[in-house]
Amino acid sequence: MPRADKRYLIGPHLLQEIRDTIAKVDSNPQQRTNLTDQHGGYRPPIDQTDGPAIRIGSAVGAWSKGSTATVTWIPGGTVTSTMVATNLFADVTNTATYNCAVARAGYTWYLIAAEC
């Protein structure tokens, strides 16, 4: 059933609503990761969902086919995030730190490319 108090924002009212929303989020950094959908339900941060994704990061040391390794990436600012990815395709013999790309299928990360 539609709400009787439905508002339509146009012109300066829309701009003020956008400014208020930005100010509200900027004043409380905790809300940046605790977003809600349009119906008020919790929506996890993008890096914790189960849909497809790709990340460019770095790994250290040899990574043999069939094994896992930790990949580090920087999603923004100084925040560092890691994920464990599985190598299904070929041995990586680089023993130093190297760039790589990983992709997520479901809840699992897989190596898709590594710097030679």
PDB file of N, CA and C in Angstrom:
ATOM      1  N   MET A   1       0.845  -1.176   0.000  1.00  0.00           N
ATOM      2  CA  MET A   1       0.000   0.000   0.000  1.00  0.00           C
ATOM      3  C   MET A   1       0.890   1.238   0.000  1.00  0.00           C
ATOM      4  N   PRO A   2       0.712   2.158  -0.936  1.00  0.00           N
ATOM      5  CA  PRO A   2       1.554   3.353  -1.003  1.00  0.00           C
ATOM      6  C   PRO A   2       1.349   4.244   0.214  1.00  0.00           C
ATOM      7  N   ARG A   3       2.438   4.902   0.584  1.00  0.00           N
ATOM      8  CA  ARG A   3       2.365   5.826   1.699  1.00  0.00           C
ATOM      9  C   ARG A   3       1.726   7.133   1.251  1.00  0.00           C
ATOM     10  N   ALA A   4       0.918   7.707   2.111  1.00  0.00           N
ATOM     11  CA  ALA A   4       0.230   8.954   1.783  1.00  0.00           C
ATOM     12  C   ALA A   4       1.178  10.148   1.824  1.00  0.00           C
ATOM     13  N   ASP A   5       2.278  10.043   2.568  1.00  0.00           N
ATOM     14  CA  ASP A   5       3.186  11.177   2.713  1.00  0.00           C
ATOM     15  C   ASP A   5       4.364  11.125   1.743  1.00  0.00           C
ATOM     16  N   LYS A   6       4.183  10.538   0.591  1.00  0.00           N
ATOM     17  CA  LYS A   6       5.244  10.409  -0.394  1.00  0.00           C
ATOM     18  C   LYS A   6       5.699  11.792  -0.851  1.00  0.00           C
ATOM     19  N   ARG A   7       7.039  11.994  -0.902  1.00  0.00           N
ATOM     20  CA  ARG A   7       7.589  13.284  -1.295  1.00  0.00           C
ATOM     21  C   ARG A   7       8.304  13.147  -2.628  1.00  0.00           C
ATOM     22  N   TYR A   8       8.219  14.163  -3.421  1.00  0.00           N
ATOM     23  CA  TYR A   8       8.963  14.244  -4.664  1.00  0.00           C
ATOM     24  C   TYR A   8       9.934  15.414  -4.535  1.00  0.00           C
ATOM     25  N   LEU A   9      11.209  15.091  -4.630  1.00  0.00           N
ATOM     26  CA  LEU A   9      12.223  16.120  -4.472  1.00  0.00           C
ATOM     27  C   LEU A   9      12.645  16.635  -5.838  1.00  0.00           C
ATOM     28  N   ILE A  10      12.617  17.938  -5.991  1.00  0.00           N
ATOM     29  CA  ILE A  10      13.056  18.541  -7.244  1.00  0.00           C
ATOM     30  C   ILE A  10      13.853  19.804  -6.924  1.00  0.00           C
ATOM     31  N   GLY A  11      14.661  20.219  -7.859  1.00  0.00           N
ATOM     32  CA  GLY A  11      15.405  21.467  -7.740  1.00  0.00           C
ATOM     33  C   GLY A  11      16.191  21.578  -6.457  1.00  0.00           C
ATOM     34  N   PRO A  12      16.080  22.720  -5.766  1.00  0.00           N
ATOM     35  CA  PRO A  12      16.879  22.948  -4.562  1.00  0.00           C
ATOM     36  C   PRO A  12      16.556  21.978  -3.431  1.00  0.00           C
ATOM     37  N   HIS A  13      15.340  21.452  -3.406  1.00  0.00           N
ATOM     38  CA  HIS A  13      14.990  20.483  -2.363  1.00  0.00           C
ATOM     39  C   HIS A  13      15.783  19.197  -2.532  1.00  0.00           C
ATOM     40  N   LEU A  14      15.968  18.761  -3.765  1.00  0.00           N
ATOM     41  CA  LEU A  14      16.758  17.564  -4.037  1.00  0.00           C
ATOM     42  C   LEU A  14      18.207  17.791  -3.652  1.00  0.00           C
ATOM     43  N   LEU A  15      18.756  18.947  -4.017  1.00  0.00           N
ATOM     44  CA  LEU A  15      20.150  19.248  -3.683  1.00  0.00           C
ATOM     45  C   LEU A  15      20.355  19.293  -2.174  1.00  0.00           C
ATOM     46  N   GLN A  16      19.421  19.881  -1.448  1.00  0.00           N
ATOM     47  CA  GLN A  16      19.551  19.942   0.006  1.00  0.00           C
ATOM     48  C   GLN A  16      19.469  18.550   0.619  1.00  0.00           C
ATOM     49  N   GLU A  17      18.605  17.714   0.101  1.00  0.00           N
ATOM     50  CA  GLU A  17      18.492  16.334   0.599  1.00  0.00           C
ATOM     51  C   GLU A  17      19.798  15.576   0.364  1.00  0.00           C
ATOM     52  N   ILE A  18      20.419  15.772  -0.786  1.00  0.00           N
ATOM     53  CA  ILE A  18      21.710  15.130  -1.083  1.00  0.00           C
ATOM     54  C   ILE A  18      22.777  15.652  -0.123  1.00  0.00           C
ATOM     55  N   ARG A  19      22.839  16.973   0.079  1.00  0.00           N
ATOM     56  CA  ARG A  19      23.820  17.556   1.012  1.00  0.00           C
ATOM     57  C   ARG A  19      23.631  17.003   2.421  1.00  0.00           C
ATOM     58  N   ASP A  20      22.384  16.919   2.878  1.00  0.00           N
ATOM     59  CA  ASP A  20      22.107  16.390   4.219  1.00  0.00           C
ATOM     60  C   ASP A  20      22.548  14.944   4.362  1.00  0.00           C
ATOM     61  N   THR A  21      22.305  14.149   3.337  1.00  0.00           N
ATOM     62  CA  THR A  21      22.698  12.737   3.368  1.00  0.00           C
ATOM     63  C   THR A  21      24.214  12.598   3.407  1.00  0.00           C
ATOM     64  N   ILE A  22      24.916  13.365   2.585  1.00  0.00           N
ATOM     65  CA  ILE A  22      26.382  13.312   2.570  1.00  0.00           C
ATOM     66  C   ILE A  22      26.942  13.745   3.921  1.00  0.00           C
ATOM     67  N   ALA A  23      26.404  14.815   4.492  1.00  0.00           N
ATOM     68  CA  ALA A  23      26.867  15.293   5.795  1.00  0.00           C
ATOM     69  C   ALA A  23      26.631  14.241   6.877  1.00  0.00           C
ATOM     70  N   LYS A  24      25.491  13.571   6.807  1.00  0.00           N
ATOM     71  CA  LYS A  24      25.163  12.534   7.801  1.00  0.00           C
ATOM     72  C   LYS A  24      26.154  11.373   7.718  1.00  0.00           C
ATOM     73  N   VAL A  25      26.477  10.929   6.519  1.00  0.00           N
ATOM     74  CA  VAL A  25      27.415   9.815   6.340  1.00  0.00           C
ATOM     75  C   VAL A  25      28.822  10.248   6.730  1.00  0.00           C
ATOM     76  N   ASP A  26      29.243  11.436   6.321  1.00  0.00           N
ATOM     77  CA  ASP A  26      30.588  11.915   6.642  1.00  0.00           C
ATOM     78  C   ASP A  26      30.789  12.124   8.132  1.00  0.00           C
ATOM     79  N   SER A  27      29.733  12.440   8.856  1.00  0.00           N
ATOM     80  CA  SER A  27      29.871  12.678  10.288  1.00  0.00           C
ATOM     81  C   SER A  27      29.938  11.385  11.093  1.00  0.00           C
ATOM     82  N   ASN A  28      29.586  10.258  10.495  1.00  0.00           N
ATOM     83  CA  ASN A  28      29.624   8.978  11.195  1.00  0.00           C
ATOM     84  C   ASN A  28      30.260   7.931  10.299  1.00  0.00           C
ATOM     85  N   PRO A  29      31.615   7.775  10.341  1.00  0.00           N
ATOM     86  CA  PRO A  29      32.298   6.818   9.462  1.00  0.00           C
ATOM     87  C   PRO A  29      31.812   5.376   9.619  1.00  0.00           C
ATOM     88  N   GLN A  30      31.266   5.013  10.782  1.00  0.00           N
ATOM     89  CA  GLN A  30      30.779   3.649  10.977  1.00  0.00           C
ATOM     90  C   GLN A  30      29.652   3.315  10.007  1.00  0.00           C
ATOM     91  N   GLN A  31      28.855   4.286   9.616  1.00  0.00           N
ATOM     92  CA  GLN A  31      27.739   4.032   8.718  1.00  0.00           C
ATOM     93  C   GLN A  31      28.196   3.712   7.306  1.00  0.00           C
ATOM     94  N   ARG A  32      29.419   4.038   6.967  1.00  0.00           N
ATOM     95  CA  ARG A  32      29.902   3.775   5.618  1.00  0.00           C
ATOM     96  C   ARG A  32      29.943   2.286   5.308  1.00  0.00           C
ATOM     97  N   THR A  33      30.163   1.468   6.319  1.00  0.00           N
ATOM     98  CA  THR A  33      30.207   0.031   6.087  1.00  0.00           C
ATOM     99  C   THR A  33      28.926  -0.672   6.501  1.00  0.00           C
ATOM    100  N   ASN A  34      28.013   0.040   7.125  1.00  0.00           N
ATOM    101  CA  ASN A  34      26.756  -0.558   7.569  1.00  0.00           C
ATOM    102  C   ASN A  34      25.597   0.064   6.808  1.00  0.00           C
ATOM    103  N   LEU A  35      25.590  -0.130   5.520  1.00  0.00           N
ATOM    104  CA  LEU A  35      24.559   0.451   4.674  1.00  0.00           C
ATOM    105  C   LEU A  35      23.272  -0.354   4.760  1.00  0.00           C
ATOM    106  N   THR A  36      22.169   0.288   4.472  1.00  0.00           N
ATOM    107  CA  THR A  36      20.901  -0.416   4.413  1.00  0.00           C
ATOM    108  C   THR A  36      20.329  -0.255   3.017  1.00  0.00           C
ATOM    109  N   ASP A  37      19.543  -1.223   2.609  1.00  0.00           N
ATOM    110  CA  ASP A  37      18.907  -1.104   1.303  1.00  0.00           C
ATOM    111  C   ASP A  37      17.676  -0.209   1.434  1.00  0.00           C
ATOM    112  N   GLN A  38      16.951  -0.028   0.351  1.00  0.00           N
ATOM    113  CA  GLN A  38      15.821   0.902   0.355  1.00  0.00           C
ATOM    114  C   GLN A  38      14.690   0.478   1.280  1.00  0.00           C
ATOM    115  N   HIS A  39      14.689  -0.766   1.731  1.00  0.00           N
ATOM    116  CA  HIS A  39      13.631  -1.244   2.615  1.00  0.00           C
ATOM    117  C   HIS A  39      14.102  -1.302   4.067  1.00  0.00           C
ATOM    118  N   GLY A  40      15.301  -0.763   4.353  1.00  0.00           N
ATOM    119  CA  GLY A  40      15.796  -0.719   5.724  1.00  0.00           C
ATOM    120  C   GLY A  40      16.550  -1.964   6.155  1.00  0.00           C
ATOM    121  N   GLY A  41      16.756  -2.929   5.257  1.00  0.00           N
ATOM    122  CA  GLY A  41      17.497  -4.136   5.607  1.00  0.00           C
ATOM    123  C   GLY A  41      18.995  -3.909   5.516  1.00  0.00           C
ATOM    124  N   TYR A  42      19.761  -4.704   6.240  1.00  0.00           N
ATOM    125  CA  TYR A  42      21.220  -4.568   6.246  1.00  0.00           C
ATOM    126  C   TYR A  42      21.802  -5.046   4.925  1.00  0.00           C
ATOM    127  N   ARG A  43      22.765  -4.311   4.408  1.00  0.00           N
ATOM    128  CA  ARG A  43      23.491  -4.696   3.205  1.00  0.00           C
ATOM    129  C   ARG A  43      24.972  -4.690   3.554  1.00  0.00           C
ATOM    130  N   PRO A  44      25.661  -5.834   3.494  1.00  0.00           N
ATOM    131  CA  PRO A  44      27.068  -5.892   3.902  1.00  0.00           C
ATOM    132  C   PRO A  44      27.954  -5.085   2.962  1.00  0.00           C
ATOM    133  N   PRO A  45      29.143  -4.719   3.424  1.00  0.00           N
ATOM    134  CA  PRO A  45      30.087  -4.030   2.553  1.00  0.00           C
ATOM    135  C   PRO A  45      30.356  -4.853   1.298  1.00  0.00           C
ATOM    136  N   ILE A  46      30.729  -4.172   0.212  1.00  0.00           N
ATOM    137  CA  ILE A  46      30.877  -4.826  -1.083  1.00  0.00           C
ATOM    138  C   ILE A  46      31.880  -5.970  -1.058  1.00  0.00           C
ATOM    139  N   ASP A  47      32.918  -5.881  -0.243  1.00  0.00           N
ATOM    140  CA  ASP A  47      33.909  -6.947  -0.240  1.00  0.00           C
ATOM    141  C   ASP A  47      33.483  -8.143   0.602  1.00  0.00           C
ATOM    142  N   GLN A  48      32.291  -8.108   1.194  1.00  0.00           N
ATOM    143  CA  GLN A  48      31.812  -9.245   1.976  1.00  0.00           C
ATOM    144  C   GLN A  48      30.595  -9.914   1.352  1.00  0.00           C
ATOM    145  N   THR A  49      30.207  -9.512   0.180  1.00  0.00           N
ATOM    146  CA  THR A  49      29.076 -10.149  -0.471  1.00  0.00           C
ATOM    147  C   THR A  49      29.538 -11.398  -1.202  1.00  0.00           C
ATOM    148  N   ASP A  50      28.608 -12.170  -1.731  1.00  0.00           N
ATOM    149  CA  ASP A  50      28.962 -13.431  -2.371  1.00  0.00           C
ATOM    150  C   ASP A  50      28.880 -13.383  -3.886  1.00  0.00           C
ATOM    151  N   GLY A  51      28.673 -12.239  -4.461  1.00  0.00           N
ATOM    152  CA  GLY A  51      28.574 -12.138  -5.915  1.00  0.00           C
ATOM    153  C   GLY A  51      29.929 -12.094  -6.576  1.00  0.00           C
ATOM    154  N   PRO A  52      29.953 -12.085  -7.900  1.00  0.00           N
ATOM    155  CA  PRO A  52      31.222 -12.058  -8.613  1.00  0.00           C
ATOM    156  C   PRO A  52      31.949 -10.737  -8.368  1.00  0.00           C
ATOM    157  N   ALA A  53      33.282 -10.803  -8.345  1.00  0.00           N
ATOM    158  CA  ALA A  53      34.103  -9.615  -8.136  1.00  0.00           C
ATOM    159  C   ALA A  53      35.495  -9.891  -8.661  1.00  0.00           C
ATOM    160  N   ILE A  54      36.251  -8.840  -8.885  1.00  0.00           N
ATOM    161  CA  ILE A  54      37.655  -8.969  -9.282  1.00  0.00           C
ATOM    162  C   ILE A  54      38.457  -7.981  -8.453  1.00  0.00           C
ATOM    163  N   ARG A  55      39.641  -8.371  -8.040  1.00  0.00           N
ATOM    164  CA  ARG A  55      40.528  -7.509  -7.271  1.00  0.00           C
ATOM    165  C   ARG A  55      41.942  -7.626  -7.835  1.00  0.00           C
ATOM    166  N   ILE A  56      42.647  -6.505  -7.842  1.00  0.00           N
ATOM    167  CA  ILE A  56      44.050  -6.478  -8.198  1.00  0.00           C
ATOM    168  C   ILE A  56      44.802  -6.263  -6.895  1.00  0.00           C
ATOM    169  N   GLY A  57      45.774  -7.113  -6.627  1.00  0.00           N
ATOM    170  CA  GLY A  57      46.500  -7.013  -5.373  1.00  0.00           C
ATOM    171  C   GLY A  57      47.907  -7.532  -5.521  1.00  0.00           C
ATOM    172  N   SER A  58      48.467  -7.986  -4.418  1.00  0.00           N
ATOM    173  CA  SER A  58      49.816  -8.535  -4.450  1.00  0.00           C
ATOM    174  C   SER A  58      49.886  -9.783  -3.578  1.00  0.00           C
ATOM    175  N   ALA A  59      50.797 -10.658  -3.950  1.00  0.00           N
ATOM    176  CA  ALA A  59      51.057 -11.878  -3.194  1.00  0.00           C
ATOM    177  C   ALA A  59      52.570 -12.002  -3.043  1.00  0.00           C
ATOM    178  N   VAL A  60      53.003 -12.849  -2.127  1.00  0.00           N
ATOM    179  CA  VAL A  60      54.423 -13.025  -1.867  1.00  0.00           C
ATOM    180  C   VAL A  60      54.765 -14.505  -1.949  1.00  0.00           C
ATOM    181  N   GLY A  61      55.828 -14.822  -2.682  1.00  0.00           N
ATOM    182  CA  GLY A  61      56.351 -16.184  -2.725  1.00  0.00           C
ATOM    183  C   GLY A  61      55.711 -17.057  -3.786  1.00  0.00           C
ATOM    184  N   ALA A  62      56.329 -18.186  -4.006  1.00  0.00           N
ATOM    185  CA  ALA A  62      55.844 -19.133  -5.007  1.00  0.00           C
ATOM    186  C   ALA A  62      54.436 -19.597  -4.652  1.00  0.00           C
ATOM    187  N   TRP A  63      53.649 -19.857  -5.695  1.00  0.00           N
ATOM    188  CA  TRP A  63      52.246 -20.249  -5.507  1.00  0.00           C
ATOM    189  C   TRP A  63      51.978 -21.394  -6.474  1.00  0.00           C
ATOM    190  N   SER A  64      51.949 -22.586  -5.975  1.00  0.00           N
ATOM    191  CA  SER A  64      51.801 -23.750  -6.850  1.00  0.00           C
ATOM    192  C   SER A  64      50.339 -24.025  -7.184  1.00  0.00           C
ATOM    193  N   LYS A  65      50.157 -24.653  -8.331  1.00  0.00           N
ATOM    194  CA  LYS A  65      48.820 -25.013  -8.793  1.00  0.00           C
ATOM    195  C   LYS A  65      48.157 -25.914  -7.758  1.00  0.00           C
ATOM    196  N   GLY A  66      46.900 -25.613  -7.437  1.00  0.00           N
ATOM    197  CA  GLY A  66      46.145 -26.407  -6.475  1.00  0.00           C
ATOM    198  C   GLY A  66      46.272 -25.923  -5.040  1.00  0.00           C
ATOM    199  N   SER A  67      47.100 -24.915  -4.782  1.00  0.00           N
ATOM    200  CA  SER A  67      47.272 -24.430  -3.406  1.00  0.00           C
ATOM    201  C   SER A  67      46.633 -23.048  -3.238  1.00  0.00           C
ATOM    202  N   THR A  68      46.612 -22.580  -2.006  1.00  0.00           N
ATOM    203  CA  THR A  68      46.061 -21.269  -1.708  1.00  0.00           C
ATOM    204  C   THR A  68      47.163 -20.325  -1.271  1.00  0.00           C
ATOM    205  N   ALA A  69      46.886 -19.027  -1.380  1.00  0.00           N
ATOM    206  CA  ALA A  69      47.804 -17.989  -0.908  1.00  0.00           C
ATOM    207  C   ALA A  69      46.974 -16.788  -0.490  1.00  0.00           C
ATOM    208  N   THR A  70      47.574 -15.938   0.317  1.00  0.00           N
ATOM    209  CA  THR A  70      46.913 -14.717   0.757  1.00  0.00           C
ATOM    210  C   THR A  70      47.250 -13.590  -0.209  1.00  0.00           C
ATOM    211  N   VAL A  71      46.221 -12.891  -0.680  1.00  0.00           N
ATOM    212  CA  VAL A  71      46.381 -11.757  -1.593  1.00  0.00           C
ATOM    213  C   VAL A  71      45.978 -10.504  -0.829  1.00  0.00           C
ATOM    214  N   THR A  72      46.808  -9.470  -0.908  1.00  0.00           N
ATOM    215  CA  THR A  72      46.557  -8.198  -0.230  1.00  0.00           C
ATOM    216  C   THR A  72      46.195  -7.149  -1.259  1.00  0.00           C
ATOM    217  N   TRP A  73      45.170  -6.373  -0.975  1.00  0.00           N
ATOM    218  CA  TRP A  73      44.796  -5.265  -1.846  1.00  0.00           C
ATOM    219  C   TRP A  73      44.415  -4.075  -0.995  1.00  0.00           C
ATOM    220  N   ILE A  74      44.411  -2.881  -1.585  1.00  0.00           N
ATOM    221  CA  ILE A  74      44.084  -1.659  -0.872  1.00  0.00           C
ATOM    222  C   ILE A  74      42.792  -1.099  -1.471  1.00  0.00           C
ATOM    223  N   PRO A  75      41.656  -1.294  -0.781  1.00  0.00           N
ATOM    224  CA  PRO A  75      40.379  -0.838  -1.329  1.00  0.00           C
ATOM    225  C   PRO A  75      40.211   0.670  -1.327  1.00  0.00           C
ATOM    226  N   GLY A  76      40.953   1.383  -0.522  1.00  0.00           N
ATOM    227  CA  GLY A  76      40.855   2.838  -0.495  1.00  0.00           C
ATOM    228  C   GLY A  76      41.561   3.404   0.707  1.00  0.00           C
ATOM    229  N   GLY A  77      42.187   4.545   0.523  1.00  0.00           N
ATOM    230  CA  GLY A  77      42.894   5.171   1.631  1.00  0.00           C
ATOM    231  C   GLY A  77      44.031   4.301   2.113  1.00  0.00           C
ATOM    232  N   THR A  78      44.136   4.152   3.418  1.00  0.00           N
ATOM    233  CA  THR A  78      45.207   3.341   4.001  1.00  0.00           C
ATOM    234  C   THR A  78      44.690   1.985   4.472  1.00  0.00           C
ATOM    235  N   VAL A  79      43.430   1.686   4.202  1.00  0.00           N
ATOM    236  CA  VAL A  79      42.828   0.419   4.619  1.00  0.00           C
ATOM    237  C   VAL A  79      43.404  -0.708   3.766  1.00  0.00           C
ATOM    238  N   THR A  80      43.815  -1.777   4.403  1.00  0.00           N
ATOM    239  CA  THR A  80      44.331  -2.941   3.693  1.00  0.00           C
ATOM    240  C   THR A  80      43.387  -4.104   3.936  1.00  0.00           C
ATOM    241  N   SER A  81      43.121  -4.875   2.900  1.00  0.00           N
ATOM    242  CA  SER A  81      42.247  -6.033   3.023  1.00  0.00           C
ATOM    243  C   SER A  81      42.958  -7.248   2.427  1.00  0.00           C
ATOM    244  N   THR A  82      42.672  -8.408   2.952  1.00  0.00           N
ATOM    245  CA  THR A  82      43.271  -9.630   2.415  1.00  0.00           C
ATOM    246  C   THR A  82      42.197 -10.651   2.111  1.00  0.00           C
ATOM    247  N   MET A  83      42.508 -11.546   1.198  1.00  0.00           N
ATOM    248  CA  MET A  83      41.635 -12.672   0.919  1.00  0.00           C
ATOM    249  C   MET A  83      42.515 -13.872   0.591  1.00  0.00           C
ATOM    250  N   VAL A  84      41.999 -15.040   0.828  1.00  0.00           N
ATOM    251  CA  VAL A  84      42.706 -16.265   0.478  1.00  0.00           C
ATOM    252  C   VAL A  84      42.153 -16.739  -0.855  1.00  0.00           C
ATOM    253  N   ALA A  85      43.056 -16.954  -1.810  1.00  0.00           N
ATOM    254  CA  ALA A  85      42.650 -17.362  -3.155  1.00  0.00           C
ATOM    255  C   ALA A  85      43.296 -18.694  -3.512  1.00  0.00           C
ATOM    256  N   THR A  86      42.636 -19.433  -4.387  1.00  0.00           N
ATOM    257  CA  THR A  86      43.120 -20.733  -4.844  1.00  0.00           C
ATOM    258  C   THR A  86      43.664 -20.602  -6.257  1.00  0.00           C
ATOM    259  N   ASN A  87      44.799 -21.223  -6.486  1.00  0.00           N
ATOM    260  CA  ASN A  87      45.420 -21.233  -7.811  1.00  0.00           C
ATOM    261  C   ASN A  87      45.002 -22.529  -8.511  1.00  0.00           C
ATOM    262  N   LEU A  88      44.197 -22.433  -9.557  1.00  0.00           N
ATOM    263  CA  LEU A  88      43.729 -23.616 -10.284  1.00  0.00           C
ATOM    264  C   LEU A  88      44.473 -23.868 -11.593  1.00  0.00           C
ATOM    265  N   PHE A  89      45.321 -22.923 -12.024  1.00  0.00           N
ATOM    266  CA  PHE A  89      45.780 -22.981 -13.400  1.00  0.00           C
ATOM    267  C   PHE A  89      47.249 -23.322 -13.621  1.00  0.00           C
ATOM    268  N   ALA A  90      48.173 -22.617 -12.981  1.00  0.00           N
ATOM    269  CA  ALA A  90      49.592 -22.847 -13.265  1.00  0.00           C
ATOM    270  C   ALA A  90      50.444 -22.428 -12.080  1.00  0.00           C
ATOM    271  N   ASP A  91      51.623 -23.023 -11.963  1.00  0.00           N
ATOM    272  CA  ASP A  91      52.550 -22.664 -10.888  1.00  0.00           C
ATOM    273  C   ASP A  91      53.075 -21.247 -11.092  1.00  0.00           C
ATOM    274  N   VAL A  92      53.156 -20.499 -10.005  1.00  0.00           N
ATOM    275  CA  VAL A  92      53.799 -19.182 -10.011  1.00  0.00           C
ATOM    276  C   VAL A  92      55.125 -19.373  -9.285  1.00  0.00           C
ATOM    277  N   THR A  93      56.228 -19.150  -9.991  1.00  0.00           N
ATOM    278  CA  THR A  93      57.550 -19.427  -9.412  1.00  0.00           C
ATOM    279  C   THR A  93      58.225 -18.188  -8.852  1.00  0.00           C
ATOM    280  N   ASN A  94      57.611 -17.037  -8.996  1.00  0.00           N
ATOM    281  CA  ASN A  94      58.164 -15.793  -8.482  1.00  0.00           C
ATOM    282  C   ASN A  94      58.249 -15.894  -6.959  1.00  0.00           C
ATOM    283  N   THR A  95      59.416 -15.607  -6.373  1.00  0.00           N
ATOM    284  CA  THR A  95      59.565 -15.735  -4.923  1.00  0.00           C
ATOM    285  C   THR A  95      59.481 -14.402  -4.197  1.00  0.00           C
ATOM    286  N   ALA A  96      59.452 -13.301  -4.929  1.00  0.00           N
ATOM    287  CA  ALA A  96      59.330 -11.971  -4.323  1.00  0.00           C
ATOM    288  C   ALA A  96      57.858 -11.562  -4.266  1.00  0.00           C
ATOM    289  N   THR A  97      57.610 -10.327  -3.920  1.00  0.00           N
ATOM    290  CA  THR A  97      56.252  -9.791  -3.962  1.00  0.00           C
ATOM    291  C   THR A  97      55.902  -9.472  -5.410  1.00  0.00           C
ATOM    292  N   TYR A  98      54.735  -9.880  -5.865  1.00  0.00           N
ATOM    293  CA  TYR A  98      54.313  -9.660  -7.251  1.00  0.00           C
ATOM    294  C   TYR A  98      52.840  -9.290  -7.296  1.00  0.00           C
ATOM    295  N   ASN A  99      52.455  -8.599  -8.365  1.00  0.00           N
ATOM    296  CA  ASN A  99      51.063  -8.214  -8.577  1.00  0.00           C
ATOM    297  C   ASN A  99      50.282  -9.401  -9.123  1.00  0.00           C
ATOM    298  N   CYS A 100      49.016  -9.456  -8.764  1.00  0.00           N
ATOM    299  CA  CYS A 100      48.168 -10.521  -9.281  1.00  0.00           C
ATOM    300  C   CYS A 100      46.719 -10.039  -9.334  1.00  0.00           C
ATOM    301  N   ALA A 101      45.913 -10.779 -10.042  1.00  0.00           N
ATOM    302  CA  ALA A 101      44.483 -10.512 -10.129  1.00  0.00           C
ATOM    303  C   ALA A 101      43.746 -11.750  -9.647  1.00  0.00           C
ATOM    304  N   VAL A 102      42.731 -11.539  -8.831  1.00  0.00           N
ATOM    305  CA  VAL A 102      41.905 -12.642  -8.345  1.00  0.00           C
ATOM    306  C   VAL A 102      40.450 -12.308  -8.624  1.00  0.00           C
ATOM    307  N   ALA A 103      39.650 -13.341  -8.800  1.00  0.00           N
ATOM    308  CA  ALA A 103      38.221 -13.168  -9.053  1.00  0.00           C
ATOM    309  C   ALA A 103      37.450 -14.059  -8.090  1.00  0.00           C
ATOM    310  N   ARG A 104      36.251 -13.608  -7.713  1.00  0.00           N
ATOM    311  CA  ARG A 104      35.423 -14.374  -6.793  1.00  0.00           C
ATOM    312  C   ARG A 104      34.261 -14.989  -7.546  1.00  0.00           C
ATOM    313  N   ALA A 105      34.044 -16.265  -7.280  1.00  0.00           N
ATOM    314  CA  ALA A 105      32.876 -16.988  -7.773  1.00  0.00           C
ATOM    315  C   ALA A 105      32.189 -17.547  -6.528  1.00  0.00           C
ATOM    316  N   GLY A 106      30.990 -17.086  -6.252  1.00  0.00           N
ATOM    317  CA  GLY A 106      30.327 -17.472  -5.002  1.00  0.00           C
ATOM    318  C   GLY A 106      31.076 -16.843  -3.841  1.00  0.00           C
ATOM    319  N   TYR A 107      31.539 -17.660  -2.897  1.00  0.00           N
ATOM    320  CA  TYR A 107      32.313 -17.165  -1.764  1.00  0.00           C
ATOM    321  C   TYR A 107      33.795 -17.436  -1.920  1.00  0.00           C
ATOM    322  N   THR A 108      34.238 -17.991  -3.037  1.00  0.00           N
ATOM    323  CA  THR A 108      35.614 -18.426  -3.206  1.00  0.00           C
ATOM    324  C   THR A 108      36.385 -17.533  -4.176  1.00  0.00           C
ATOM    325  N   TRP A 109      37.601 -17.163  -3.786  1.00  0.00           N
ATOM    326  CA  TRP A 109      38.497 -16.371  -4.628  1.00  0.00           C
ATOM    327  C   TRP A 109      39.439 -17.297  -5.388  1.00  0.00           C
ATOM    328  N   TYR A 110      39.709 -16.951  -6.658  1.00  0.00           N
ATOM    329  CA  TYR A 110      40.604 -17.739  -7.519  1.00  0.00           C
ATOM    330  C   TYR A 110      41.617 -16.821  -8.187  1.00  0.00           C
ATOM    331  N   LEU A 111      42.840 -17.297  -8.316  1.00  0.00           N
ATOM    332  CA  LEU A 111      43.873 -16.574  -9.067  1.00  0.00           C
ATOM    333  C   LEU A 111      43.533 -16.615 -10.549  1.00  0.00           C
ATOM    334  N   ILE A 112      43.556 -15.442 -11.195  1.00  0.00           N
ATOM    335  CA  ILE A 112      43.301 -15.436 -12.644  1.00  0.00           C
ATOM    336  C   ILE A 112      44.508 -14.911 -13.418  1.00  0.00           C
ATOM    337  N   ALA A 113      45.433 -14.222 -12.763  1.00  0.00           N
ATOM    338  CA  ALA A 113      46.640 -13.744 -13.438  1.00  0.00           C
ATOM    339  C   ALA A 113      47.678 -13.398 -12.389  1.00  0.00           C
ATOM    340  N   ALA A 114      48.956 -13.606 -12.740  1.00  0.00           N
ATOM    341  CA  ALA A 114      50.050 -13.252 -11.838  1.00  0.00           C
ATOM    342  C   ALA A 114      51.199 -12.679 -12.655  1.00  0.00           C
ATOM    343  N   GLU A 115      51.910 -11.729 -12.059  1.00  0.00           N
ATOM    344  CA  GLU A 115      53.053 -11.102 -12.696  1.00  0.00           C
ATOM    345  C   GLU A 115      54.194 -12.111 -12.785  1.00  0.00           C
ATOM    346  N   CYS A 116      54.775 -12.218 -13.964  1.00  0.00           N
ATOM    347  CA  CYS A 116      55.878 -13.164 -14.166  1.00  0.00           C
ATOM    348  C   CYS A 116      57.212 -12.508 -13.928  1.00  0.00           C
TER     349      CYS A 116
END
